[in-house]
Protein backbone atom coordinates (compact mmCIF):
# COMPACT_ATOMS: atom_id res chain seq x y z
CA MET A 1 7.78 -10.66 35.89
CA ILE A 2 11.56 -11.15 35.84
CA ILE A 3 13.03 -13.57 33.32
CA LYS A 4 16.61 -14.82 33.04
CA LEU A 5 18.27 -15.77 29.79
CA ASP A 6 21.70 -16.66 28.43
CA ILE A 7 23.06 -14.67 25.50
CA ALA A 8 26.62 -14.91 24.17
CA LYS A 9 27.74 -16.98 27.19
CA LYS A 10 26.49 -14.38 29.67
CA THR A 11 23.38 -14.41 31.84
CA TYR A 12 20.96 -11.49 31.77
CA GLU A 13 17.65 -10.63 33.36
CA ALA A 14 14.77 -8.54 32.02
CA ASP A 15 11.72 -7.16 33.79
CA LEU A 16 8.74 -7.82 31.52
CA SER A 17 6.61 -5.46 33.60
CA GLN A 18 8.70 -2.53 32.29
CA PRO A 19 8.06 -2.39 28.53
CA GLN A 20 9.41 0.55 26.50
CA SER A 21 7.43 1.05 23.32
CA ILE A 22 9.26 2.38 20.26
CA ALA A 23 6.18 2.60 18.04
CA ILE A 24 4.56 5.81 16.88
CA ALA A 25 0.96 6.12 18.10
CA LEU A 26 -0.99 6.36 14.86
CA LEU A 27 -3.97 8.74 14.99
CA PRO A 28 -6.42 8.10 12.12
CA ASN A 29 -7.79 11.40 10.77
CA GLY A 30 -5.25 13.25 12.95
CA ASP A 31 -1.59 14.27 12.89
CA GLN A 32 0.52 11.37 11.66
CA PRO A 33 3.69 10.71 9.69
CA SER A 34 3.49 9.89 5.97
CA HIS A 35 5.91 8.96 3.23
CA PHE A 36 6.10 8.98 -0.55
CA GLY A 37 2.93 11.03 -1.00
CA ALA A 38 0.67 8.26 0.32
CA PRO A 39 -2.74 9.24 1.68
CA ALA A 40 -3.12 9.49 5.44
CA CYS A 41 -4.59 6.73 7.58
CA THR A 42 -8.33 7.39 8.00
CA SER A 43 -11.19 6.00 10.07
CA LYS A 44 -14.82 6.11 8.92
CA THR A 45 -18.01 5.01 10.66
CA LEU A 46 -19.53 1.85 9.20
CA GLU A 47 -23.09 2.50 8.07
CA GLY A 48 -25.68 0.44 6.22
CA ASP A 49 -29.10 -1.22 6.40
CA GLY A 50 -30.16 1.09 9.22
CA PHE A 51 -27.01 0.44 11.24
CA ILE A 52 -24.77 3.31 12.37
CA GLY A 53 -21.53 2.28 14.06
CA ASP A 54 -21.31 5.38 16.25
CA THR A 55 -22.77 5.55 19.77
CA LYS A 56 -22.65 9.36 19.63
CA ARG A 57 -25.13 9.22 16.75
CA GLY A 58 -27.44 6.74 18.42
CA GLY A 59 -25.73 3.55 17.33
CA SER A 60 -25.60 0.53 19.61
CA CYS A 61 -21.81 0.28 19.35
CA ASN A 62 -18.83 1.81 17.61
CA VAL A 63 -17.65 0.16 14.38
CA ASN A 64 -15.17 1.88 12.09
CA THR A 65 -13.60 1.13 8.73
CA LEU A 66 -9.87 1.79 8.89
CA THR A 67 -7.98 2.71 5.71
CA ILE A 68 -4.19 2.50 5.95
CA VAL A 69 -1.07 2.18 3.79
CA PRO A 70 1.21 0.24 6.17
CA HIS A 71 4.40 1.07 4.27
CA CYS A 72 3.78 4.80 4.57
CA ASN A 73 1.55 5.43 7.61
CA GLY A 74 3.53 5.11 10.81
CA THR A 75 5.51 2.30 12.41
CA HIS A 76 5.41 -0.83 10.25
CA THR A 77 7.25 -4.08 9.62
CA GLU A 78 8.02 -5.62 6.22
CA SER A 79 8.89 -9.09 4.98
CA VAL A 80 10.92 -10.01 1.90
CA SER A 81 7.63 -10.04 -0.04
CA HIS A 82 7.93 -6.26 -0.21
CA ILE A 83 10.32 -6.77 -3.13
CA VAL A 84 9.63 -10.21 -4.62
CA ASP A 85 6.82 -12.10 -6.33
CA GLN A 86 6.76 -14.91 -3.78
CA HIS A 87 4.58 -14.42 -0.72
CA VAL A 88 5.94 -14.45 2.84
CA ALA A 89 3.65 -12.98 5.48
CA VAL A 90 5.34 -10.78 8.07
CA PHE A 91 4.16 -12.95 10.96
CA ASN A 92 5.82 -15.97 9.34
CA ALA A 93 9.13 -14.10 9.04
CA ILE A 94 9.42 -13.66 12.82
CA ASP A 95 10.47 -16.97 14.37
CA GLU A 96 11.36 -15.60 17.81
CA SER A 97 8.88 -13.77 20.03
CA LEU A 98 11.77 -12.20 21.97
CA PHE A 99 15.25 -11.54 20.62
CA ALA A 100 18.43 -9.76 21.70
CA SER A 101 18.80 -6.27 20.22
CA VAL A 102 21.16 -3.32 20.31
CA LEU A 103 20.03 0.31 20.21
CA VAL A 104 22.44 2.86 18.75
CA THR A 105 22.05 6.60 18.17
CA LEU A 106 23.79 8.09 15.15
CA GLN A 107 24.24 11.51 13.58
CA PRO A 108 23.54 11.26 9.82
CA LEU A 109 26.19 12.57 7.46
CA GLU A 110 25.82 14.44 4.19
CA ALA A 111 26.31 12.10 1.25
CA ARG A 112 28.86 14.45 -0.30
CA ASP A 113 31.17 13.76 2.66
CA VAL A 114 31.11 9.95 2.70
CA ILE A 115 33.12 7.30 0.85
CA ASP A 116 30.42 4.63 0.98
CA GLN A 117 28.56 3.62 -2.16
CA TYR A 118 24.87 3.56 -3.03
CA ILE A 119 22.85 2.39 -6.05
CA PRO A 120 21.64 4.64 -7.65
CA GLU A 121 23.91 7.58 -6.88
CA TYR A 122 23.31 9.86 -3.93
CA ASP A 123 22.08 13.39 -4.18
CA PRO A 124 24.97 15.28 -2.50
CA SER A 125 22.77 16.82 0.18
CA ASN A 126 21.14 13.53 1.21
CA LEU A 127 21.65 12.49 4.83
CA VAL A 128 22.92 8.94 5.27
CA ILE A 129 24.16 6.43 7.84
CA THR A 130 27.50 4.83 6.97
CA ARG A 131 29.31 1.55 7.56
CA ALA A 132 32.04 3.23 9.60
CA GLN A 133 29.47 4.68 12.00
CA LEU A 134 27.92 1.27 12.60
CA GLU A 135 31.30 -0.43 12.93
CA LYS A 136 32.34 2.04 15.61
CA TYR A 137 29.27 1.62 17.78
CA LEU A 138 28.69 -2.10 17.29
CA ALA A 139 32.27 -3.32 17.70
CA GLU A 140 31.69 -4.28 21.36
CA TYR A 141 28.72 -6.52 20.56
CA SER A 142 28.79 -10.10 19.27
CA ASN A 143 26.61 -11.30 16.40
CA GLU A 144 24.59 -13.29 18.92
CA GLN A 145 23.68 -10.02 20.61
CA LEU A 146 22.63 -8.50 17.29
CA SER A 147 19.58 -10.52 16.33
CA GLY A 148 17.93 -7.10 16.33
CA LEU A 149 19.37 -3.67 15.59
CA VAL A 150 17.54 -0.43 16.36
CA ILE A 151 18.91 2.76 14.77
CA ARG A 152 17.88 6.11 16.27
CA THR A 153 19.02 9.23 14.39
CA LEU A 154 19.76 12.78 15.47
CA PRO A 155 18.20 15.19 15.96
CA ASN A 156 15.64 13.05 17.79
CA THR A 157 12.56 15.23 18.13
CA SER A 158 8.86 14.44 18.40
CA ASP A 159 8.46 15.82 14.84
CA LYS A 160 9.17 12.26 13.71
CA CYS A 161 5.72 11.28 14.99
CA PHE A 162 3.90 13.41 12.41
CA GLN A 163 6.50 14.37 9.78
CA ARG A 164 5.39 14.26 6.16
CA TYR A 165 8.42 13.17 4.18
CA ASP A 166 8.74 14.73 0.74
CA LYS A 167 11.27 16.61 -1.40
CA ASN A 168 11.32 19.41 1.17
CA HIS A 169 11.72 16.98 4.08
CA TYR A 170 13.92 14.36 2.47
CA PRO A 171 14.38 11.33 4.75
CA ILE A 172 17.59 9.74 5.97
CA TYR A 173 18.64 6.35 4.56
CA LEU A 174 21.49 3.83 4.78
CA THR A 175 24.44 3.53 2.44
CA ASN A 176 24.83 0.20 0.66
CA ASP A 177 28.05 -0.34 2.61
CA ALA A 178 26.17 0.18 5.88
CA MET A 179 23.56 -2.38 4.86
CA SER A 180 26.24 -4.85 3.79
CA TYR A 181 27.77 -4.54 7.25
CA ILE A 182 24.36 -5.17 8.86
CA VAL A 183 24.07 -8.35 6.79
CA GLU A 184 27.62 -9.40 7.75
CA ARG A 185 26.69 -8.99 11.42
CA GLU A 186 23.76 -11.40 10.86
CA VAL A 187 21.06 -8.95 11.97
CA LYS A 188 17.67 -10.62 11.52
CA HIS A 189 15.42 -7.74 12.52
CA LEU A 190 16.38 -4.20 11.55
CA LEU A 191 14.43 -1.28 13.04
CA VAL A 192 15.00 2.34 11.97
CA ASP A 193 13.38 5.67 12.83
CA PHE A 194 13.22 6.90 9.22
CA PRO A 195 10.59 5.87 6.65
CA SER A 196 12.76 3.64 4.47
CA VAL A 197 16.21 2.08 4.55
CA ASP A 198 16.46 3.18 0.91
CA LYS A 199 16.56 6.55 -0.78
CA MET A 200 13.06 7.94 -1.32
CA TYR A 201 13.46 8.49 -5.07
CA ASP A 202 15.79 5.66 -6.07
CA GLN A 203 14.54 4.68 -9.55
CA GLY A 204 12.79 1.70 -8.00
CA LYS A 205 16.05 -0.08 -7.18
CA LEU A 206 15.48 -0.61 -3.42
CA SER A 207 19.12 -1.70 -3.31
CA ASN A 208 19.31 -1.83 0.49
CA HIS A 209 16.17 -3.92 0.78
CA ARG A 210 17.70 -6.32 -1.74
CA LEU A 211 20.99 -6.47 0.10
CA PHE A 212 19.25 -7.20 3.40
CA TRP A 213 17.18 -10.08 2.03
CA GLN A 214 19.85 -11.13 -0.49
CA VAL A 215 17.73 -10.62 -3.57
CA GLU A 216 19.59 -9.74 -6.74
CA LEU A 217 19.42 -6.17 -8.02
CA ASN A 218 16.68 -5.60 -10.60
CA GLN A 219 15.15 -9.02 -9.79
CA THR A 220 11.80 -9.76 -8.14
CA SER A 221 12.32 -13.43 -7.34
CA LEU A 222 13.90 -15.25 -4.41
CA ASN A 223 17.09 -17.19 -5.07
CA THR A 224 18.98 -19.89 -3.15
CA HIS A 225 20.73 -17.24 -1.02
CA SER A 226 17.66 -15.18 -0.14
CA THR A 227 16.63 -14.95 3.52
CA CYS A 228 12.93 -15.12 4.42
CA ASN A 229 13.17 -15.12 8.23
CA LYS A 230 14.24 -11.48 8.49
CA THR A 231 12.26 -8.23 8.82
CA ILE A 232 12.70 -4.51 8.38
CA SER A 233 10.72 -2.14 10.60
CA GLU A 234 10.59 1.53 9.67
CA MET A 235 9.28 4.75 11.24
CA VAL A 236 9.88 3.68 14.83
CA PHE A 237 10.33 6.41 17.42
CA VAL A 238 12.75 5.90 20.31
CA ASP A 239 12.22 8.39 23.13
CA ASN A 240 15.36 10.13 24.37
CA GLN A 241 14.80 8.60 27.80
CA ILE A 242 15.61 5.19 26.35
CA LEU A 243 19.40 4.92 26.46
CA ASP A 244 21.65 3.26 23.90
CA GLY A 245 22.59 -0.27 24.82
CA PHE A 246 21.52 -3.90 24.98
CA TYR A 247 17.85 -4.87 25.05
CA LEU A 248 15.36 -7.64 24.60
CA CYS A 249 12.94 -6.83 21.79
CA ASN A 250 9.38 -8.03 21.33
CA LEU A 251 8.28 -7.25 17.77
CA GLN A 252 4.48 -7.42 17.90
CA VAL A 253 2.63 -7.76 14.59
CA PRO A 254 -0.95 -8.67 13.69
CA LYS A 255 -1.61 -11.95 11.91
CA ILE A 256 -2.54 -10.35 8.60
CA ASP A 257 -1.32 -12.27 5.56
CA THR A 258 0.49 -9.51 3.69
CA ASP A 259 3.99 -8.11 3.07
CA ALA A 260 3.76 -5.14 5.49
CA VAL A 261 1.73 -4.52 8.62
CA PRO A 262 1.47 -1.85 11.32
CA SER A 263 3.65 -3.04 14.19
CA HIS A 264 4.46 -2.44 17.83
CA PRO A 265 8.11 -3.07 18.76
CA VAL A 266 8.77 -3.07 22.50
CA LEU A 267 12.15 -2.99 24.27
CA TYR A 268 13.03 -4.44 27.67
CA SER A 269 16.26 -3.46 29.41
CA LEU A 270 18.73 -6.33 29.80
CA ASN A 271 20.96 -6.37 32.87
CA GLU A 272 23.89 -8.74 33.19
CA ILE A 273 23.90 -10.86 36.36
């Protein structure tokens, strides 16, 4: 199916029969990524009252109980409720089923070499994405084209699909200046291939999350400036065959009333006509 759409005073077409998934396939009880020491996603056969939910063991059908920590087990999407007392379900934070997005690939820099700021302070060896990097690669795009922003980092290896992030495998994150720029560019849906936009051990500040949703530092309540129709998706994986550029994004999430859910973002190439 070919659709045509107008974005930033230009007409584009997208082939909806050619989806490009940027989600990590999560394998319960198997190799999978994890963050912050959270337990792995597991699947267990449902049993009880003579019922066994496993056809291999004589059951009439397969029924499993899935245990998952969405924030830490694979590709997931968060709402502002990740950091505030008020409740906004992820599915209510996405008001467009398809939105224009830009994919950029960036080489993280060592924190000791950057001028950007971060609260709390960096560890000098931390790897970060800076404002200047984003400014350079996004200068050619209008805000209307940046409803979504997908950040792929280098090196881009399949290790990201099962990496356990810890002190020995410290994840990349954004500087506060980089996040401020993302807010200035009016990005509504931010997707990154690292486990959090914030530093892993950040004294609980989550300063980038607060900047993105405009929640005051050290506060857990929405204010008059806070934005509830925006999402952050983390732990995506963008195959090297998917080139940087302009896309249509379909951010698929289940209708589960919580602050973070496993998600399936899909990109469709946009061609100007």
